[in-house]
């Protein structure tokens, strides 16, 4: 019985690690898309549409706010 519980605990840990790796990969993909500018077209937006909705408060030379640190 103890071996079954140990195997189940190992399986549970492996599944949690897999889910965490999926979340990490999505987070990294979003960071890259934000940095290279592909996040808008990926979701069907253009800068023209965004600027028309919110105004052009941010210039091309303005820096993006820093991304939060993820442990």
Foldseek 3Di string as FASTA:
>chain_A
DVVVVVVVVVVVVVVVVVVVVVVVVVVVVVVVCVVVVNPQVVVPHDVVVVCVVVNPPDDPPDDDPDDDDDD
